[in-house]
């Protein structure tokens, strides 16, 4: 009976939480917005045009206007687009439409207009737009000295195929600012991620005559390898490597057999190291005891990217191979400074019989990593003999700080959208306000106040997510709210 007393109000609260958006959406203005969202998702331009006047004056009017114009952006005139940007200046919807327009201008190769619009783009979080911007500057003689590496890194970071970074990479490859190795590596990563179009796009840049073979590699890697008895030239070797990568995704042991059975001898050292590393990664993801031995066949860690090196370190940890752990982490690039790998490098240095210099370096790594934030920061804290505790609470919010959050238009629109059932739109607008509206996003006190507003409105995901973004302090009560504390206890 005691549990019934606890669960009954909890269930009731849950039902009210679910039902609230629908209850709040019963007035005509909210219903118009919900209907417009449905029309936008179904690309019903007639309905959008008909409903738009009814959204005038509604708190979410910028969303209504955005949906109506975005749906016909390709046929809208520049003056009409600029009119929207002026009318809703400073809003998320203004910059969201600018983002969409920049993507369209890039696809149309209208670099002159693109270069005029881009400087006013605030969010700067779209890799495709950034690639277009770098390409536009390069084509107009304003390219940065490191434009090749910048585009390469953005392209590598994209999971799916896109026009922006693929076009920029293709142009810069033609200008010899991106290398063959860079393009083939993009094809490898895309192949491992089972993204055939992205892999084909990369191969089409470096070996256009071989692009059609990518489909064969994906359809049946074993059959493809069987039909390539000898791989001569870089193109055929790289395609064989793509087939080994695809095979490893489903059967790492079969891929290892192929590498040992002859394909390894036909690949060069870098290609062979990559093949063994992918087999090791896939084996490690399946908790295979062979993972560390596959990684052990990699002769040069520097041939691998940080993702493969991370998996090599994990496999070595599972096998208790501390020397391999340390070597893998030492070969990493930017990932090496992550608290996870800083902690494990220190542990690897302390394993076995470290000398005084190694002990001192490991201690320094642990001290630099230790903190109350992430899991590995806390492990490092414990490793140096300090207790894991709750960090001191920050100074209470002032009335002015709370008032600033309550008067923020984007925060209010985000909460309103969530309250009537437009959760996706509300979350996007909230995140824009906290992270993207101003360069670098809100400072810690502003984030603290925004989180307080979300907690007050009982929008718990925004409350927790925003609170977790503060860097110089942490309010544990805010990050771990207990709305049902009194009911349960």
Protein backbone atom coordinates (compact mmCIF):
# COMPACT_ATOMS: atom_id res chain seq x y z
CA UNK A 1 0.00 0.00 0.00
CA UNK A 2 2.90 2.33 0.76
CA UNK A 3 4.18 1.94 -2.81
CA UNK A 4 0.72 2.65 -4.18
CA UNK A 5 0.71 5.91 -2.25
CA UNK A 6 4.04 6.81 -3.81
CA UNK A 7 3.33 5.63 -7.35
CA UNK A 8 -0.15 7.12 -7.65
CA UNK A 9 0.96 10.77 -7.49
CA UNK A 10 4.01 9.98 -9.61
CA UNK A 11 1.86 8.45 -12.34
CA UNK A 12 -0.59 11.31 -12.10
CA UNK A 13 2.23 13.82 -12.40
CA UNK A 14 3.59 11.98 -15.43
CA UNK A 15 0.21 11.99 -17.11
CA UNK A 16 -0.21 15.68 -16.42
CA UNK A 17 3.24 16.36 -17.84
CA UNK A 18 2.39 14.51 -21.04
CA UNK A 19 -1.06 16.01 -21.29
CA UNK A 20 0.01 19.57 -20.54
CA UNK A 21 1.16 20.48 -24.07
CA UNK A 22 -2.13 19.31 -25.53
CA UNK A 23 -4.13 21.14 -22.88
CA UNK A 24 -2.19 24.34 -23.49
CA UNK A 25 -2.65 24.04 -27.23
CA UNK A 26 -6.41 24.34 -27.13
CA UNK A 27 -6.53 28.09 -27.80
CA UNK A 28 -6.75 28.99 -31.46
CA UNK A 29 -3.36 30.70 -31.70
CA UNK A 30 -1.49 27.66 -30.46
CA UNK A 31 -3.53 25.39 -32.69
CA UNK A 32 -2.50 27.47 -35.71
CA UNK A 33 1.17 26.95 -34.84
CA UNK A 34 0.70 23.22 -34.43
CA UNK A 35 -1.13 23.04 -37.77
CA UNK A 36 1.64 25.02 -39.45
CA UNK A 37 4.28 22.67 -38.09
CA UNK A 38 2.39 19.73 -39.59
CA UNK A 39 2.04 21.56 -42.89
CA UNK A 40 5.75 22.37 -42.92
CA UNK A 41 6.70 18.76 -42.30
CA UNK A 42 4.45 17.62 -45.14
CA UNK A 43 5.64 20.50 -47.38
CA UNK A 44 2.06 21.76 -47.78
CA UNK A 45 2.72 25.27 -49.07
CA UNK A 46 -0.95 26.10 -49.62
CA UNK A 47 -1.75 25.39 -45.97
CA UNK A 48 1.26 27.37 -44.77
CA UNK A 49 0.27 30.40 -46.84
CA UNK A 50 -3.33 30.19 -45.66
CA UNK A 51 -2.46 29.83 -41.97
CA UNK A 52 0.34 32.40 -41.76
CA UNK A 53 -1.88 35.50 -41.29
CA UNK A 54 -3.58 33.80 -38.34
CA UNK A 55 -0.22 33.54 -36.54
CA UNK A 56 0.33 37.30 -36.52
CA UNK A 57 1.05 38.55 -33.01
CA UNK A 58 1.48 35.07 -31.56
CA UNK A 59 4.57 34.60 -29.32
CA UNK A 60 5.83 32.03 -31.83
CA UNK A 61 5.09 34.11 -34.93
CA UNK A 62 8.78 33.94 -35.98
CA UNK A 63 8.42 30.16 -36.29
CA UNK A 64 5.30 30.50 -38.42
CA UNK A 65 6.98 32.98 -40.76
CA UNK A 66 10.11 30.82 -40.92
CA UNK A 67 8.20 27.68 -41.88
CA UNK A 68 6.26 29.48 -44.60
CA UNK A 69 9.36 31.02 -46.22
CA UNK A 70 11.73 28.10 -45.70
CA UNK A 71 9.33 25.80 -47.53
CA UNK A 72 9.66 27.92 -50.69
CA UNK A 73 13.15 29.30 -50.17
CA UNK A 74 14.41 28.16 -53.57
CA UNK A 75 11.88 30.37 -55.36
CA UNK A 76 11.88 33.32 -52.95
CA UNK A 77 13.52 36.55 -54.10
CA UNK A 78 16.59 37.94 -52.31
CA UNK A 79 14.54 41.00 -51.32
CA UNK A 80 11.88 38.82 -49.70
CA UNK A 81 14.50 36.83 -47.82
CA UNK A 82 16.22 40.00 -46.66
CA UNK A 83 12.86 41.37 -45.57
CA UNK A 84 12.37 38.35 -43.32
CA UNK A 85 15.88 38.75 -41.88
CA UNK A 86 15.20 42.40 -41.11
CA UNK A 87 11.74 41.78 -39.64
CA UNK A 88 12.95 39.08 -37.24
CA UNK A 89 16.44 40.42 -36.61
CA UNK A 90 18.13 38.96 -33.55
CA UNK A 91 15.94 35.86 -33.39
CA UNK A 92 16.90 32.24 -33.82
CA UNK A 93 14.60 32.04 -36.83
CA UNK A 94 16.44 34.90 -38.55
CA UNK A 95 19.80 33.16 -38.25
CA UNK A 96 18.27 29.76 -39.02
CA UNK A 97 16.93 31.09 -42.32
CA UNK A 98 20.27 32.76 -43.01
CA UNK A 99 21.87 29.34 -42.48
CA UNK A 100 19.43 27.79 -44.96
CA UNK A 101 20.01 30.58 -47.47
CA UNK A 102 23.78 30.18 -47.24
CA UNK A 103 23.47 26.46 -47.97
CA UNK A 104 21.32 27.27 -51.00
CA UNK A 105 23.73 29.95 -52.23
CA UNK A 106 26.60 27.51 -51.87
CA UNK A 107 24.80 24.86 -53.91
CA UNK A 108 24.05 27.50 -56.54
CA UNK A 109 27.73 28.57 -56.49
CA UNK A 110 26.65 32.19 -55.98
CA UNK A 111 29.83 33.13 -54.16
CA UNK A 112 29.31 36.87 -54.46
CA UNK A 113 25.99 36.86 -52.59
CA UNK A 114 27.27 34.18 -50.22
CA UNK A 115 30.21 36.38 -49.22
CA UNK A 116 27.86 39.29 -48.53
CA UNK A 117 25.52 37.22 -46.34
CA UNK A 118 28.02 35.06 -44.43
CA UNK A 119 29.59 37.74 -42.16
CA UNK A 120 26.21 38.24 -40.46
CA UNK A 121 25.79 34.52 -39.74
CA UNK A 122 25.93 34.17 -35.95
CA UNK A 123 25.62 30.46 -35.21
CA UNK A 124 28.68 29.30 -37.18
CA UNK A 125 27.89 25.70 -36.23
CA UNK A 126 27.17 24.27 -39.69
CA UNK A 127 30.22 22.50 -41.13
CA UNK A 128 28.82 22.66 -44.66
CA UNK A 129 28.40 26.43 -44.47
CA UNK A 130 31.91 26.81 -43.06
CA UNK A 131 33.31 24.73 -45.92
CA UNK A 132 31.45 26.88 -48.44
CA UNK A 133 32.83 30.01 -46.74
CA UNK A 134 36.40 28.73 -46.88
CA UNK A 135 35.96 27.76 -50.52
CA UNK A 136 34.38 31.13 -51.42
CA UNK A 137 37.35 32.95 -49.91
CA UNK A 138 39.81 30.69 -51.73
CA UNK A 139 38.07 31.17 -55.08
CA UNK A 140 38.04 34.94 -54.60
CA UNK A 141 41.72 35.12 -53.70
CA UNK A 142 41.21 35.51 -49.95
CA UNK A 143 42.00 31.96 -48.90
CA UNK A 144 43.77 31.44 -45.58
CA UNK A 145 47.20 29.76 -45.73
CA UNK A 146 45.80 26.72 -43.91
CA UNK A 147 42.55 26.46 -45.88
CA UNK A 148 43.39 22.90 -46.98
CA UNK A 149 43.77 21.47 -43.46
CA UNK A 150 40.71 23.42 -42.28
CA UNK A 151 38.47 21.94 -44.98
CA UNK A 152 40.01 18.50 -44.54
CA UNK A 153 39.26 18.46 -40.81
CA UNK A 154 35.68 19.66 -41.31
CA UNK A 155 35.13 17.05 -44.03
CA UNK A 156 36.56 14.28 -41.86
CA UNK A 157 34.28 15.28 -38.99
CA UNK A 158 31.14 14.87 -41.11
CA UNK A 159 29.43 11.52 -40.94
CA UNK A 160 27.20 11.87 -43.97
CA UNK A 161 27.80 13.08 -47.50
CA UNK A 162 27.16 16.75 -48.15
CA UNK A 163 27.73 19.22 -50.96
CA UNK A 164 29.57 21.89 -48.97
CA UNK A 165 32.63 20.07 -47.67
CA UNK A 166 32.74 17.61 -50.57
CA UNK A 167 32.79 20.45 -53.10
CA UNK A 168 35.39 22.38 -51.11
CA UNK A 169 37.56 19.28 -50.73
CA UNK A 170 37.31 18.54 -54.44
CA UNK A 171 38.33 22.07 -55.42
CA UNK A 172 41.20 22.17 -52.94
CA UNK A 173 42.37 18.72 -54.01
CA UNK A 174 42.53 20.00 -57.58
CA UNK A 175 44.61 22.90 -56.27
CA UNK A 176 46.90 20.42 -54.45
CA UNK A 177 45.92 21.82 -51.04
CA UNK A 178 44.43 18.46 -49.96
CA UNK A 179 46.42 15.28 -50.57
CA UNK A 180 45.55 11.87 -52.00
CA UNK A 181 46.08 10.41 -48.53
CA UNK A 182 43.54 12.82 -47.03
CA UNK A 183 40.87 11.85 -49.56
CA UNK A 184 41.44 8.12 -49.22
CA UNK A 185 41.31 8.44 -45.45
CA UNK A 186 37.92 10.12 -45.77
CA UNK A 187 36.78 7.18 -47.91
CA UNK A 188 38.03 4.72 -45.28
CA UNK A 189 36.22 6.44 -42.40
CA UNK A 190 33.00 6.68 -44.42
CA UNK A 191 33.25 3.01 -45.39
CA UNK A 192 33.73 1.95 -41.79
CA UNK A 193 30.65 3.98 -40.87
CA UNK A 194 28.61 2.25 -43.61
CA UNK A 195 28.09 5.51 -45.49
CA UNK A 196 28.32 4.46 -49.09
CA UNK A 197 27.57 7.82 -50.71
CA UNK A 198 30.17 9.62 -48.63
CA UNK A 199 32.73 6.94 -49.53
CA UNK A 200 31.83 7.12 -53.21
CA UNK A 201 32.05 10.93 -53.21
CA UNK A 202 35.57 10.73 -51.80
CA UNK A 203 36.71 8.08 -54.28
CA UNK A 204 35.21 10.14 -57.12
CA UNK A 205 37.56 12.99 -56.19
CA UNK A 206 40.79 11.02 -56.15
CA UNK A 207 39.96 8.22 -58.62
CA UNK A 208 36.80 9.07 -60.60
CA UNK A 209 37.14 6.04 -62.86
CA UNK A 210 36.98 3.76 -59.79
CA UNK A 211 33.99 5.39 -58.07
CA UNK A 212 31.49 2.88 -59.41
CA UNK A 213 33.41 0.04 -57.74
CA UNK A 214 32.47 1.38 -54.31
CA UNK A 215 28.98 -0.09 -54.72
CA UNK A 216 30.55 -3.52 -55.33
CA UNK A 217 32.70 -3.15 -52.23
CA UNK A 218 29.63 -2.42 -50.11
CA UNK A 219 27.45 -5.07 -51.73
CA UNK A 220 29.84 -7.96 -51.08
CA UNK A 221 33.35 -7.25 -49.83
CA UNK A 222 34.29 -10.95 -49.97
CA UNK A 223 33.20 -11.22 -53.59
CA UNK A 224 35.02 -8.03 -54.47
CA UNK A 225 38.27 -9.26 -52.91
CA UNK A 226 37.93 -12.63 -54.64
CA UNK A 227 37.76 -10.86 -57.98
CA UNK A 228 40.88 -8.82 -57.28
CA UNK A 229 43.59 -11.46 -57.16
CA UNK A 230 46.34 -8.89 -57.33
CA UNK A 231 46.05 -5.25 -56.44
CA UNK A 232 48.37 -3.05 -58.43
CA UNK A 233 48.54 0.67 -58.02
CA UNK A 234 47.19 2.77 -55.20
CA UNK A 235 43.59 2.85 -56.39
CA UNK A 236 43.13 -0.91 -56.40
CA UNK A 237 44.92 -1.30 -53.08
CA UNK A 238 42.79 1.36 -51.45
CA UNK A 239 39.62 -0.22 -52.82
CA UNK A 240 40.77 -3.57 -51.47
CA UNK A 241 41.33 -1.89 -48.11
CA UNK A 242 37.78 -0.51 -48.25
CA UNK A 243 36.54 -4.06 -48.82
CA UNK A 244 38.55 -5.31 -45.84
CA UNK A 245 37.07 -2.51 -43.74
CA UNK A 246 33.52 -3.46 -44.74
CA UNK A 247 34.24 -7.13 -44.06
CA UNK A 248 35.62 -6.31 -40.62
CA UNK A 249 32.42 -4.46 -39.73
CA UNK A 250 30.48 -7.72 -39.73
CA UNK A 251 33.22 -10.31 -39.25
CA UNK A 252 36.58 -9.03 -37.96
CA UNK A 253 38.00 -12.55 -37.83
CA UNK A 254 37.24 -13.06 -41.53
CA UNK A 255 38.94 -9.76 -42.31
CA UNK A 256 41.98 -10.81 -40.26
CA UNK A 257 42.13 -14.07 -42.21
CA UNK A 258 42.10 -12.13 -45.49
CA UNK A 259 44.89 -9.83 -44.29
CA UNK A 260 47.02 -12.75 -43.16
CA UNK A 261 46.13 -14.83 -46.21
CA UNK A 262 47.77 -12.56 -48.73
CA UNK A 263 46.13 -9.17 -48.82
CA UNK A 264 48.37 -7.84 -46.08
CA UNK A 265 51.44 -8.47 -48.23
CA UNK A 266 49.91 -6.56 -51.15
CA UNK A 267 49.11 -3.46 -49.11
CA UNK A 268 51.76 -0.95 -48.13
CA UNK A 269 52.69 -0.50 -44.48
CA UNK A 270 50.26 2.34 -43.76
CA UNK A 271 47.35 0.57 -45.46
CA UNK A 272 48.13 -2.68 -43.65
CA UNK A 273 48.30 -0.92 -40.28
CA UNK A 274 44.90 0.64 -40.93
CA UNK A 275 43.41 -2.72 -41.92
CA UNK A 276 44.65 -4.41 -38.75
CA UNK A 277 43.44 -1.51 -36.62
CA UNK A 278 39.92 -1.67 -38.05
CA UNK A 279 39.85 -5.42 -37.46
CA UNK A 280 41.01 -4.76 -33.91
CA UNK A 281 38.40 -2.07 -33.34
CA UNK A 282 35.55 -4.24 -34.55
CA UNK A 283 36.82 -7.19 -32.51
CA UNK A 284 37.08 -4.96 -29.43
CA UNK A 285 33.52 -3.72 -29.91
CA UNK A 286 32.43 -7.38 -29.80
CA UNK A 287 34.60 -7.97 -26.67
CA UNK A 288 36.67 -10.49 -28.60
CA UNK A 289 39.84 -11.69 -26.85
CA UNK A 290 41.61 -11.39 -30.22
CA UNK A 291 41.25 -7.61 -30.35
CA UNK A 292 44.55 -6.80 -28.67
CA UNK A 293 46.45 -9.28 -30.83
CA UNK A 294 45.02 -7.70 -33.99
CA UNK A 295 46.06 -4.28 -32.76
CA UNK A 296 49.45 -5.75 -31.91
CA UNK A 297 50.09 -6.27 -35.63
CA UNK A 298 50.00 -2.50 -36.18
CA UNK A 299 53.63 -1.52 -36.66
CA UNK A 300 53.23 2.26 -36.54
CA UNK A 301 50.62 3.90 -34.33
CA UNK A 302 51.09 7.24 -36.07
CA UNK A 303 49.37 5.77 -39.15
CA UNK A 304 46.07 5.62 -37.23
CA UNK A 305 43.53 8.30 -36.37
CA UNK A 306 42.46 9.13 -32.82
CA UNK A 307 39.36 6.95 -33.03
CA UNK A 308 41.35 3.82 -33.87
CA UNK A 309 43.99 4.69 -31.28
CA UNK A 310 41.25 5.03 -28.67
CA UNK A 311 40.01 1.55 -29.48
CA UNK A 312 43.56 0.23 -29.41
CA UNK A 313 43.96 1.66 -25.91
CA UNK A 314 40.66 0.09 -24.80
CA UNK A 315 41.65 -3.33 -26.14
CA UNK A 316 45.02 -3.07 -24.41
CA UNK A 317 43.34 -2.06 -21.14
CA UNK A 318 41.08 -5.08 -21.30
CA UNK A 319 44.11 -7.29 -21.91
CA UNK A 320 46.16 -5.62 -19.15
CA UNK A 321 48.79 -4.53 -21.68
CA UNK A 322 49.87 -1.26 -20.06
CA UNK A 323 52.76 -0.63 -22.45
CA UNK A 324 50.38 -0.77 -25.42
CA UNK A 325 47.97 1.53 -23.58
CA UNK A 326 50.65 4.15 -23.13
CA UNK A 327 51.96 3.90 -26.70
CA UNK A 328 48.46 4.26 -28.15
CA UNK A 329 47.70 7.35 -26.04
CA UNK A 330 51.08 8.92 -26.83
CA UNK A 331 50.32 8.63 -30.55
CA UNK A 332 46.99 10.46 -30.23
CA UNK A 333 46.42 14.00 -31.43
CA UNK A 334 43.89 16.30 -29.71
CA UNK A 335 42.18 13.37 -27.94
CA UNK A 336 45.27 12.86 -25.80
CA UNK A 337 44.33 15.81 -23.58
CA UNK A 338 40.85 14.45 -22.81
CA UNK A 339 40.52 13.57 -19.10
CA UNK A 340 39.80 9.96 -20.05
CA UNK A 341 43.11 9.41 -21.78
CA UNK A 342 45.11 11.66 -19.46
CA UNK A 343 43.95 9.47 -16.57
CA UNK A 344 44.73 6.21 -18.31
CA UNK A 345 48.13 7.41 -19.47
CA UNK A 346 48.99 8.24 -15.87
CA UNK A 347 47.81 4.80 -14.77
CA UNK A 348 49.86 3.18 -17.53
CA UNK A 349 52.95 5.10 -16.44
CA UNK A 350 52.50 3.92 -12.86
CA UNK A 351 52.05 0.28 -13.87
CA UNK A 352 55.06 -2.01 -13.64
CA UNK A 353 58.22 -0.41 -12.28
CA UNK A 354 58.15 3.32 -13.01
CA UNK A 355 61.22 5.39 -12.29
CA UNK A 356 61.10 8.60 -10.27
CA UNK A 357 60.70 10.77 -13.37
CA UNK A 358 57.75 8.70 -14.63
CA UNK A 359 56.09 8.77 -11.22
CA UNK A 360 56.44 12.55 -11.09
CA UNK A 361 55.02 12.96 -14.61
CA UNK A 362 52.12 10.63 -13.84
CA UNK A 363 51.39 12.50 -10.62
CA UNK A 364 51.33 15.79 -12.51
CA UNK A 365 48.95 14.35 -15.10
CA UNK A 366 46.60 13.18 -12.36
CA UNK A 367 46.74 16.51 -10.55
CA UNK A 368 46.01 18.37 -13.78
CA UNK A 369 43.07 16.04 -14.51
CA UNK A 370 41.59 15.83 -11.02
CA UNK A 371 38.31 17.59 -10.38
CA UNK A 372 34.68 17.19 -9.41
CA UNK A 373 33.27 17.22 -12.94
CA UNK A 374 33.57 14.15 -15.13
CA UNK A 375 33.96 10.53 -14.08
CA UNK A 376 37.66 10.45 -14.94
CA UNK A 377 38.31 13.74 -13.20
CA UNK A 378 36.91 12.16 -10.06
CA UNK A 379 38.97 8.99 -10.56
CA UNK A 380 42.09 11.15 -10.86
CA UNK A 381 41.10 12.97 -7.68
CA UNK A 382 40.79 9.66 -5.88
CA UNK A 383 44.09 8.42 -7.32
CA UNK A 384 46.02 11.31 -5.74
CA UNK A 385 44.48 10.57 -2.37
CA UNK A 386 41.76 13.20 -2.23
CA UNK A 387 38.14 12.50 -1.41
CA UNK A 388 35.44 12.87 -4.01
CA UNK A 389 32.93 15.37 -2.72
CA UNK A 390 30.32 17.84 -3.77
CA UNK A 391 31.84 21.07 -5.10
CA UNK A 392 30.99 24.27 -3.24
CA UNK A 393 27.74 25.87 -4.29
CA UNK A 394 28.05 29.06 -6.36
CA UNK A 395 26.89 32.42 -5.12
CA UNK A 396 23.09 32.70 -5.29
CA UNK A 397 21.62 34.34 -8.36
CA UNK A 398 20.87 38.01 -8.00
CA UNK A 399 17.50 39.51 -8.81
CA UNK A 400 19.06 41.17 -11.85
CA UNK A 401 20.46 37.87 -13.17
CA UNK A 402 17.11 36.16 -12.78
CA UNK A 403 15.32 39.06 -14.44
CA UNK A 404 17.69 38.95 -17.41
CA UNK A 405 16.91 35.27 -17.98
CA UNK A 406 13.16 35.82 -17.62
CA UNK A 407 13.25 38.64 -20.17
CA UNK A 408 15.32 36.75 -22.76
CA UNK A 409 13.06 36.43 -25.83
CA UNK A 410 14.62 33.22 -27.15
CA UNK A 411 14.49 31.47 -23.78
CA UNK A 412 10.83 32.42 -23.44
CA UNK A 413 9.98 31.31 -26.97
CA UNK A 414 11.78 28.04 -26.34
CA UNK A 415 9.82 27.35 -23.17
CA UNK A 416 6.54 28.37 -24.80
CA UNK A 417 7.15 26.08 -27.77
CA UNK A 418 7.91 23.16 -25.46
CA UNK A 419 4.78 23.89 -23.42
CA UNK A 420 2.45 23.54 -26.43
CA UNK A 421 4.08 20.42 -27.82
CA UNK A 422 6.68 21.88 -30.19
CA UNK A 423 9.51 20.28 -28.24
CA UNK A 424 12.04 20.00 -31.08
CA UNK A 425 11.62 23.65 -32.00
CA UNK A 426 11.68 24.72 -28.37
CA UNK A 427 14.89 22.84 -27.61
CA UNK A 428 16.58 24.26 -30.70
CA UNK A 429 15.64 27.81 -29.79
CA UNK A 430 16.70 27.32 -26.17
CA UNK A 431 20.08 25.92 -27.24
CA UNK A 432 20.53 28.81 -29.65
CA UNK A 433 19.96 31.28 -26.82
CA UNK A 434 22.38 29.59 -24.44
CA UNK A 435 25.12 28.52 -26.86
CA UNK A 436 25.04 30.40 -30.15
CA UNK A 437 23.34 33.80 -30.03
CA UNK A 438 26.51 35.48 -28.87
CA UNK A 439 30.08 34.35 -29.64
CA UNK A 440 31.09 31.68 -27.16
CA UNK A 441 27.56 31.41 -25.79
CA UNK A 442 26.32 32.60 -22.42
CA UNK A 443 28.82 32.97 -19.60
CA UNK A 444 28.51 30.75 -16.54
CA UNK A 445 26.32 33.12 -14.53
CA UNK A 446 23.95 33.57 -17.48
CA UNK A 447 23.77 29.80 -17.95
CA UNK A 448 23.10 29.39 -14.24
CA UNK A 449 20.21 31.85 -14.46
CA UNK A 450 18.82 30.21 -17.61
CA UNK A 451 18.96 26.80 -15.93
CA UNK A 452 17.18 28.27 -12.92
CA UNK A 453 14.40 29.52 -15.20
CA UNK A 454 13.98 26.08 -16.78
CA UNK A 455 13.97 24.41 -13.36
CA UNK A 456 11.35 26.88 -12.16
CA UNK A 457 9.16 26.00 -15.16
CA UNK A 458 9.87 22.29 -14.53
CA UNK A 459 11.38 21.73 -17.97
CA UNK A 460 13.87 19.33 -16.49
CA UNK A 461 15.93 18.41 -19.55
CA UNK A 462 16.73 22.10 -20.25
CA UNK A 463 17.31 22.67 -16.54
CA UNK A 464 19.89 19.88 -16.27
CA UNK A 465 21.47 20.31 -19.71
CA UNK A 466 22.01 24.04 -19.22
CA UNK A 467 23.30 23.64 -15.68
CA UNK A 468 25.85 21.08 -16.88
CA UNK A 469 27.37 23.66 -19.22
CA UNK A 470 28.83 25.85 -16.49
CA UNK A 471 32.60 25.43 -16.34
CA UNK A 472 33.85 27.43 -13.36
CA UNK A 473 31.31 26.16 -10.83
CA UNK A 474 28.59 23.56 -10.43
CA UNK A 475 25.34 23.63 -8.50
CA UNK A 476 24.74 19.97 -7.67
CA UNK A 477 21.18 20.60 -6.51
CA UNK A 478 20.38 22.20 -9.84
CA UNK A 479 22.11 19.52 -11.90
CA UNK A 480 20.42 16.72 -10.01
CA UNK A 481 16.93 18.03 -9.25
CA UNK A 482 14.56 15.90 -7.21
CA UNK A 483 11.06 17.10 -8.06
CA UNK A 484 9.45 14.08 -6.35
CA UNK A 485 11.65 14.14 -3.25
CA UNK A 486 8.82 14.84 -0.80
CA UNK A 487 6.50 12.34 -2.47
CA UNK A 488 9.00 9.48 -2.40
CA UNK A 489 10.62 10.19 0.95
